[in-house]
Amino acid sequence: MPSAAACAIAESGSLALRHGPGRPRLASLRRQATRTRNFEQISADLRELLRVWYGYKWEQAKAERRAAGHAAESATAGWTTARDALLAQQNRIDEVQRRLLDAQVPHAPLRRPDQLHREPALAIHGRPTKRDRRLLDRLWE
């Protein structure tokens, strides 16, 4: 369907035909009308191509977002699993340390804290060591 501009040009061309002296202008007006039609067709084609391109880019972005969401879920699951394993290992370490302390100082609750700092190290070394003090301090925490 010709545009309003193309119709106006075609109409002015028919006017030029009726008026005789405008013959050289008629060829110029026809070329201008053809260029206008071509321009409008190319513009419509480009709009359609842009619509297709933007649709493609939109779908591509949605796919990338979905992939990022799946990666985030996977990373979260892996992190949760590793954290749970770490906590379980830490609990086992705490239990072993507790049993070790219980075995090293089996009667500690019956003694006064000030005696505990002196007796184990005094019995072996004649004076308390840093290790003995740390163990006993942890026992009374």
N, C-alpha and C. Protein backbone atom coordinates (compact mmCIF):
# COMPACT_ATOMS: atom_id res chain seq x y z
N MET A 1 0.85 -1.18 0.00
CA MET A 1 0.00 0.00 0.00
C MET A 1 0.89 1.23 0.00
N PRO A 2 0.74 2.12 -0.96
CA PRO A 2 1.57 3.31 -1.04
C PRO A 2 1.27 4.27 0.10
N SER A 3 2.31 4.96 0.53
CA SER A 3 2.14 5.90 1.63
C SER A 3 1.54 7.20 1.11
N ALA A 4 1.22 8.06 2.08
CA ALA A 4 0.64 9.36 1.73
C ALA A 4 1.64 10.18 0.91
N ALA A 5 2.94 10.05 1.26
CA ALA A 5 3.96 10.80 0.52
C ALA A 5 4.04 10.30 -0.92
N ALA A 6 3.97 8.97 -1.10
CA ALA A 6 4.04 8.40 -2.45
C ALA A 6 2.83 8.82 -3.27
N CYS A 7 1.65 8.85 -2.66
CA CYS A 7 0.44 9.27 -3.35
C CYS A 7 0.53 10.74 -3.76
N ALA A 8 1.06 11.58 -2.87
CA ALA A 8 1.20 13.00 -3.17
C ALA A 8 2.16 13.21 -4.33
N ILE A 9 3.23 12.44 -4.32
CA ILE A 9 4.21 12.56 -5.40
C ILE A 9 3.61 12.08 -6.72
N ALA A 10 2.89 10.96 -6.66
CA ALA A 10 2.26 10.43 -7.88
C ALA A 10 1.22 11.42 -8.39
N GLU A 11 0.47 12.01 -7.48
CA GLU A 11 -0.54 12.98 -7.89
C GLU A 11 0.10 14.21 -8.51
N SER A 12 1.21 14.68 -7.91
CA SER A 12 1.88 15.83 -8.48
C SER A 12 2.47 15.48 -9.85
N GLY A 13 2.85 14.21 -10.02
CA GLY A 13 3.34 13.77 -11.31
C GLY A 13 2.24 13.79 -12.36
N SER A 14 1.02 13.41 -11.98
CA SER A 14 -0.09 13.44 -12.93
C SER A 14 -0.46 14.89 -13.25
N LEU A 15 -0.26 15.78 -12.29
CA LEU A 15 -0.48 17.20 -12.54
C LEU A 15 0.53 17.72 -13.55
N ALA A 16 1.76 17.24 -13.39
CA ALA A 16 2.80 17.69 -14.30
C ALA A 16 2.50 17.22 -15.72
N LEU A 17 1.90 16.06 -15.85
CA LEU A 17 1.55 15.55 -17.18
C LEU A 17 0.50 16.44 -17.85
N ARG A 18 -0.44 16.89 -17.04
CA ARG A 18 -1.51 17.71 -17.58
C ARG A 18 -1.01 19.09 -17.99
N HIS A 19 0.01 19.56 -17.33
CA HIS A 19 0.46 20.92 -17.58
C HIS A 19 1.60 21.00 -18.58
N GLY A 20 2.00 19.95 -19.18
CA GLY A 20 2.93 19.95 -20.29
C GLY A 20 4.36 20.38 -20.01
N PRO A 21 4.65 21.62 -19.65
CA PRO A 21 6.04 22.04 -19.55
C PRO A 21 6.82 21.34 -18.44
N GLY A 22 6.18 20.60 -17.55
CA GLY A 22 6.85 19.95 -16.43
C GLY A 22 7.36 18.56 -16.77
N ARG A 23 7.46 18.19 -18.03
CA ARG A 23 7.87 16.85 -18.41
C ARG A 23 9.22 16.43 -17.81
N PRO A 24 10.24 17.23 -17.83
CA PRO A 24 11.50 16.80 -17.24
C PRO A 24 11.35 16.53 -15.74
N ARG A 25 10.46 17.20 -15.10
CA ARG A 25 10.23 17.01 -13.67
C ARG A 25 9.52 15.70 -13.40
N LEU A 26 8.77 15.16 -14.33
CA LEU A 26 8.01 13.93 -14.16
C LEU A 26 8.94 12.76 -13.88
N ALA A 27 10.01 12.60 -14.60
CA ALA A 27 10.96 11.50 -14.38
C ALA A 27 11.57 11.60 -12.98
N SER A 28 11.90 12.80 -12.57
CA SER A 28 12.47 13.01 -11.24
C SER A 28 11.47 12.63 -10.16
N LEU A 29 10.19 12.99 -10.34
CA LEU A 29 9.17 12.65 -9.35
C LEU A 29 8.93 11.15 -9.30
N ARG A 30 8.99 10.47 -10.44
CA ARG A 30 8.82 9.01 -10.45
C ARG A 30 9.97 8.33 -9.69
N ARG A 31 11.19 8.79 -9.92
CA ARG A 31 12.33 8.23 -9.19
C ARG A 31 12.18 8.47 -7.69
N GLN A 32 11.72 9.64 -7.35
CA GLN A 32 11.52 9.97 -5.93
C GLN A 32 10.44 9.07 -5.33
N ALA A 33 9.36 8.81 -6.04
CA ALA A 33 8.30 7.92 -5.55
C ALA A 33 8.83 6.50 -5.38
N THR A 34 9.64 6.05 -6.32
CA THR A 34 10.24 4.70 -6.22
C THR A 34 11.16 4.61 -5.01
N ARG A 35 11.98 5.63 -4.81
CA ARG A 35 12.87 5.64 -3.64
C ARG A 35 12.06 5.64 -2.35
N THR A 36 10.97 6.38 -2.34
CA THR A 36 10.12 6.41 -1.14
C THR A 36 9.55 5.04 -0.85
N ARG A 37 9.03 4.35 -1.88
CA ARG A 37 8.50 3.00 -1.69
C ARG A 37 9.59 2.05 -1.20
N ASN A 38 10.76 2.15 -1.82
CA ASN A 38 11.87 1.30 -1.39
C ASN A 38 12.26 1.58 0.06
N PHE A 39 12.32 2.85 0.41
CA PHE A 39 12.65 3.24 1.78
C PHE A 39 11.65 2.64 2.76
N GLU A 40 10.36 2.76 2.45
CA GLU A 40 9.32 2.25 3.34
C GLU A 40 9.40 0.73 3.45
N GLN A 41 9.69 0.05 2.35
CA GLN A 41 9.81 -1.41 2.39
C GLN A 41 11.03 -1.82 3.22
N ILE A 42 12.14 -1.14 3.02
CA ILE A 42 13.35 -1.45 3.78
C ILE A 42 13.13 -1.16 5.26
N SER A 43 12.45 -0.07 5.58
CA SER A 43 12.16 0.26 6.99
C SER A 43 11.31 -0.82 7.62
N ALA A 44 10.29 -1.29 6.91
CA ALA A 44 9.43 -2.35 7.44
C ALA A 44 10.23 -3.64 7.64
N ASP A 45 11.09 -3.97 6.66
CA ASP A 45 11.92 -5.17 6.79
C ASP A 45 12.86 -5.07 7.98
N LEU A 46 13.46 -3.91 8.16
CA LEU A 46 14.37 -3.72 9.30
C LEU A 46 13.64 -3.80 10.64
N ARG A 47 12.45 -3.23 10.70
CA ARG A 47 11.66 -3.35 11.94
C ARG A 47 11.38 -4.81 12.26
N GLU A 48 11.02 -5.58 11.26
CA GLU A 48 10.75 -7.01 11.46
C GLU A 48 12.03 -7.74 11.89
N LEU A 49 13.14 -7.44 11.25
CA LEU A 49 14.40 -8.08 11.63
C LEU A 49 14.81 -7.71 13.06
N LEU A 50 14.60 -6.45 13.43
CA LEU A 50 14.91 -6.04 14.80
C LEU A 50 14.01 -6.76 15.80
N ARG A 51 12.73 -6.91 15.45
CA ARG A 51 11.82 -7.64 16.33
C ARG A 51 12.30 -9.08 16.54
N VAL A 52 12.72 -9.73 15.46
CA VAL A 52 13.23 -11.10 15.56
C VAL A 52 14.53 -11.13 16.38
N TRP A 53 15.44 -10.16 16.12
CA TRP A 53 16.71 -10.11 16.83
C TRP A 53 16.50 -9.90 18.33
N TYR A 54 15.63 -8.95 18.67
CA TYR A 54 15.38 -8.70 20.09
C TYR A 54 14.71 -9.90 20.75
N GLY A 55 13.86 -10.59 20.04
CA GLY A 55 13.26 -11.81 20.58
C GLY A 55 14.31 -12.87 20.84
N TYR A 56 15.24 -13.02 19.90
CA TYR A 56 16.33 -13.98 20.06
C TYR A 56 17.17 -13.62 21.28
N LYS A 57 17.56 -12.33 21.40
CA LYS A 57 18.38 -11.90 22.53
C LYS A 57 17.63 -12.07 23.86
N TRP A 58 16.33 -11.84 23.84
CA TRP A 58 15.52 -12.01 25.06
C TRP A 58 15.54 -13.47 25.50
N GLU A 59 15.33 -14.38 24.57
CA GLU A 59 15.35 -15.81 24.90
C GLU A 59 16.73 -16.25 25.35
N GLN A 60 17.76 -15.70 24.72
CA GLN A 60 19.13 -16.02 25.11
C GLN A 60 19.40 -15.55 26.55
N ALA A 61 18.95 -14.37 26.87
CA ALA A 61 19.15 -13.84 28.24
C ALA A 61 18.38 -14.68 29.26
N LYS A 62 17.17 -15.11 28.90
CA LYS A 62 16.40 -15.96 29.82
C LYS A 62 17.12 -17.29 30.05
N ALA A 63 17.68 -17.86 28.98
CA ALA A 63 18.40 -19.13 29.12
C ALA A 63 19.64 -18.95 30.00
N GLU A 64 20.35 -17.85 29.83
CA GLU A 64 21.53 -17.58 30.67
C GLU A 64 21.13 -17.40 32.12
N ARG A 65 20.02 -16.73 32.37
CA ARG A 65 19.55 -16.55 33.74
C ARG A 65 19.17 -17.89 34.38
N ARG A 66 18.50 -18.74 33.58
CA ARG A 66 18.16 -20.08 34.10
C ARG A 66 19.42 -20.87 34.43
N ALA A 67 20.41 -20.82 33.53
CA ALA A 67 21.66 -21.55 33.77
C ALA A 67 22.36 -21.02 35.02
N ALA A 68 22.37 -19.70 35.20
CA ALA A 68 22.99 -19.12 36.40
C ALA A 68 22.23 -19.54 37.66
N GLY A 69 20.91 -19.62 37.57
CA GLY A 69 20.11 -20.07 38.71
C GLY A 69 20.42 -21.51 39.07
N HIS A 70 20.56 -22.37 38.04
CA HIS A 70 20.90 -23.78 38.30
C HIS A 70 22.30 -23.89 38.91
N ALA A 71 23.23 -23.09 38.40
CA ALA A 71 24.59 -23.11 38.94
C ALA A 71 24.60 -22.65 40.40
N ALA A 72 23.81 -21.63 40.70
CA ALA A 72 23.73 -21.14 42.08
C ALA A 72 23.12 -22.20 43.01
N GLU A 73 22.08 -22.87 42.53
CA GLU A 73 21.48 -23.93 43.34
C GLU A 73 22.47 -25.06 43.58
N SER A 74 23.21 -25.43 42.55
CA SER A 74 24.20 -26.50 42.67
C SER A 74 25.31 -26.10 43.65
N ALA A 75 25.78 -24.85 43.53
CA ALA A 75 26.83 -24.37 44.43
C ALA A 75 26.32 -24.34 45.88
N THR A 76 25.08 -23.91 46.06
CA THR A 76 24.51 -23.88 47.41
C THR A 76 24.39 -25.28 47.99
N ALA A 77 23.96 -26.22 47.16
CA ALA A 77 23.86 -27.61 47.63
C ALA A 77 25.22 -28.15 48.00
N GLY A 78 26.23 -27.88 47.17
CA GLY A 78 27.59 -28.34 47.48
C GLY A 78 28.12 -27.70 48.74
N TRP A 79 27.86 -26.41 48.89
CA TRP A 79 28.32 -25.71 50.09
C TRP A 79 27.64 -26.27 51.33
N THR A 80 26.35 -26.53 51.24
CA THR A 80 25.61 -27.08 52.38
C THR A 80 26.15 -28.45 52.76
N THR A 81 26.40 -29.29 51.77
CA THR A 81 26.94 -30.62 52.03
C THR A 81 28.30 -30.52 52.69
N ALA A 82 29.17 -29.66 52.17
CA ALA A 82 30.50 -29.49 52.74
C ALA A 82 30.42 -28.94 54.17
N ARG A 83 29.52 -27.99 54.39
CA ARG A 83 29.35 -27.42 55.72
C ARG A 83 28.88 -28.48 56.71
N ASP A 84 27.91 -29.30 56.29
CA ASP A 84 27.43 -30.37 57.17
C ASP A 84 28.53 -31.37 57.50
N ALA A 85 29.33 -31.71 56.48
CA ALA A 85 30.44 -32.63 56.72
C ALA A 85 31.46 -32.01 57.68
N LEU A 86 31.74 -30.73 57.50
CA LEU A 86 32.67 -30.04 58.38
C LEU A 86 32.15 -30.01 59.82
N LEU A 87 30.87 -29.72 59.98
CA LEU A 87 30.29 -29.69 61.33
C LEU A 87 30.32 -31.08 61.98
N ALA A 88 30.04 -32.11 61.20
CA ALA A 88 30.10 -33.48 61.73
C ALA A 88 31.53 -33.81 62.16
N GLN A 89 32.51 -33.44 61.33
CA GLN A 89 33.91 -33.69 61.67
C GLN A 89 34.31 -32.90 62.92
N GLN A 90 33.86 -31.66 63.01
CA GLN A 90 34.17 -30.85 64.18
C GLN A 90 33.56 -31.47 65.44
N ASN A 91 32.35 -31.98 65.32
CA ASN A 91 31.72 -32.65 66.47
C ASN A 91 32.52 -33.88 66.88
N ARG A 92 33.02 -34.65 65.89
CA ARG A 92 33.84 -35.83 66.23
C ARG A 92 35.14 -35.39 66.91
N ILE A 93 35.75 -34.32 66.43
CA ILE A 93 36.98 -33.81 67.03
C ILE A 93 36.71 -33.35 68.47
N ASP A 94 35.61 -32.64 68.67
CA ASP A 94 35.25 -32.18 70.02
C ASP A 94 35.04 -33.36 70.96
N GLU A 95 34.40 -34.40 70.46
CA GLU A 95 34.15 -35.58 71.29
C GLU A 95 35.46 -36.27 71.66
N VAL A 96 36.37 -36.39 70.70
CA VAL A 96 37.67 -37.01 70.98
C VAL A 96 38.45 -36.17 71.98
N GLN A 97 38.43 -34.84 71.80
CA GLN A 97 39.13 -33.97 72.75
C GLN A 97 38.53 -34.08 74.14
N ARG A 98 37.22 -34.18 74.21
CA ARG A 98 36.57 -34.30 75.52
C ARG A 98 36.97 -35.62 76.19
N ARG A 99 36.98 -36.71 75.42
CA ARG A 99 37.37 -38.00 75.99
C ARG A 99 38.84 -37.99 76.41
N LEU A 100 39.67 -37.32 75.61
CA LEU A 100 41.10 -37.21 75.94
C LEU A 100 41.29 -36.47 77.24
N LEU A 101 40.59 -35.36 77.40
CA LEU A 101 40.69 -34.61 78.65
C LEU A 101 40.18 -35.42 79.83
N ASP A 102 39.08 -36.15 79.60
CA ASP A 102 38.54 -36.99 80.69
C ASP A 102 39.54 -38.07 81.08
N ALA A 103 40.24 -38.61 80.10
CA ALA A 103 41.21 -39.67 80.39
C ALA A 103 42.46 -39.10 81.06
N GLN A 104 42.86 -37.90 80.70
CA GLN A 104 44.07 -37.30 81.28
C GLN A 104 43.85 -36.84 82.72
N VAL A 105 42.69 -36.36 83.01
CA VAL A 105 42.40 -35.84 84.35
C VAL A 105 41.09 -36.47 84.83
N PRO A 106 41.12 -37.75 85.22
CA PRO A 106 39.86 -38.42 85.56
C PRO A 106 39.20 -37.91 86.84
N HIS A 107 39.95 -37.42 87.79
CA HIS A 107 39.38 -37.00 89.07
C HIS A 107 39.42 -35.49 89.25
N ALA A 108 39.52 -34.75 88.19
CA ALA A 108 39.66 -33.30 88.27
C ALA A 108 38.49 -32.61 88.96
N PRO A 109 37.23 -33.01 88.76
CA PRO A 109 36.15 -32.29 89.44
C PRO A 109 36.20 -32.37 90.96
N LEU A 110 36.92 -33.36 91.51
CA LEU A 110 37.00 -33.50 92.95
C LEU A 110 38.04 -32.58 93.58
N ARG A 111 38.91 -32.02 92.76
CA ARG A 111 39.97 -31.16 93.27
C ARG A 111 39.64 -29.69 93.06
N ARG A 112 40.33 -28.86 93.80
CA ARG A 112 40.16 -27.43 93.64
C ARG A 112 40.92 -26.97 92.40
N PRO A 113 40.42 -25.96 91.69
CA PRO A 113 41.08 -25.47 90.48
C PRO A 113 42.52 -25.01 90.71
N ASP A 114 42.80 -24.40 91.86
CA ASP A 114 44.17 -23.93 92.10
C ASP A 114 45.14 -25.10 92.27
N GLN A 115 44.67 -26.24 92.75
CA GLN A 115 45.52 -27.43 92.88
C GLN A 115 45.77 -28.07 91.51
N LEU A 116 44.80 -28.01 90.63
CA LEU A 116 44.95 -28.62 89.30
C LEU A 116 46.07 -27.97 88.50
N HIS A 117 46.29 -26.69 88.71
CA HIS A 117 47.34 -26.00 87.97
C HIS A 117 48.73 -26.43 88.44
N ARG A 118 48.81 -26.95 89.64
CA ARG A 118 50.13 -27.29 90.17
C ARG A 118 50.42 -28.79 90.09
N GLU A 119 49.47 -29.63 90.47
CA GLU A 119 49.75 -31.05 90.69
C GLU A 119 50.20 -31.83 89.45
N PRO A 120 49.52 -31.77 88.27
CA PRO A 120 49.97 -32.64 87.17
C PRO A 120 51.39 -32.32 86.72
N ALA A 121 51.70 -31.06 86.57
CA ALA A 121 53.03 -30.69 86.11
C ALA A 121 54.07 -30.91 87.21
N LEU A 122 53.68 -30.67 88.44
CA LEU A 122 54.62 -30.87 89.54
C LEU A 122 55.00 -32.33 89.69
N ALA A 123 54.02 -33.22 89.42
CA ALA A 123 54.30 -34.65 89.57
C ALA A 123 55.31 -35.12 88.53
N ILE A 124 55.28 -34.54 87.34
CA ILE A 124 56.15 -35.01 86.26
C ILE A 124 57.40 -34.14 86.13
N HIS A 125 57.23 -32.83 86.03
CA HIS A 125 58.32 -31.91 85.72
C HIS A 125 58.80 -31.10 86.92
N GLY A 126 58.05 -31.12 87.95
CA GLY A 126 58.40 -30.30 89.09
C GLY A 126 57.82 -28.90 88.98
N ARG A 127 57.24 -28.53 87.80
CA ARG A 127 56.59 -27.23 87.62
C ARG A 127 55.54 -27.37 86.50
N PRO A 128 54.48 -26.53 86.50
CA PRO A 128 53.44 -26.65 85.47
C PRO A 128 53.95 -26.16 84.11
N THR A 129 53.56 -26.86 83.06
CA THR A 129 53.92 -26.43 81.70
C THR A 129 52.75 -25.65 81.10
N LYS A 130 53.04 -24.98 79.99
CA LYS A 130 51.97 -24.23 79.31
C LYS A 130 50.88 -25.17 78.85
N ARG A 131 51.26 -26.33 78.35
CA ARG A 131 50.28 -27.31 77.88
C ARG A 131 49.36 -27.75 79.02
N ASP A 132 49.95 -28.02 80.17
CA ASP A 132 49.15 -28.43 81.33
C ASP A 132 48.16 -27.33 81.71
N ARG A 133 48.63 -26.08 81.72
CA ARG A 133 47.75 -24.97 82.08
C ARG A 133 46.60 -24.83 81.08
N ARG A 134 46.93 -24.95 79.78
CA ARG A 134 45.88 -24.84 78.75
C ARG A 134 44.84 -25.94 78.91
N LEU A 135 45.29 -27.17 79.09
CA LEU A 135 44.35 -28.28 79.24
C LEU A 135 43.45 -28.08 80.45
N LEU A 136 44.03 -27.66 81.51
CA LEU A 136 43.24 -27.49 82.74
C LEU A 136 42.30 -26.29 82.63
N ASP A 137 42.77 -25.23 81.96
CA ASP A 137 41.89 -24.08 81.78
C ASP A 137 40.69 -24.47 80.93
N ARG A 138 40.92 -25.26 79.89
CA ARG A 138 39.79 -25.70 79.04
C ARG A 138 38.83 -26.60 79.81
N LEU A 139 39.38 -27.38 80.69
CA LEU A 139 38.54 -28.29 81.48
C LEU A 139 37.59 -27.50 82.36
N TRP A 140 38.02 -26.36 82.88
CA TRP A 140 37.20 -25.58 83.80
C TRP A 140 36.38 -24.50 83.10
N GLU A 141 36.41 -24.44 81.80
CA GLU A 141 35.59 -23.45 81.08
C GLU A 141 34.14 -23.83 81.08
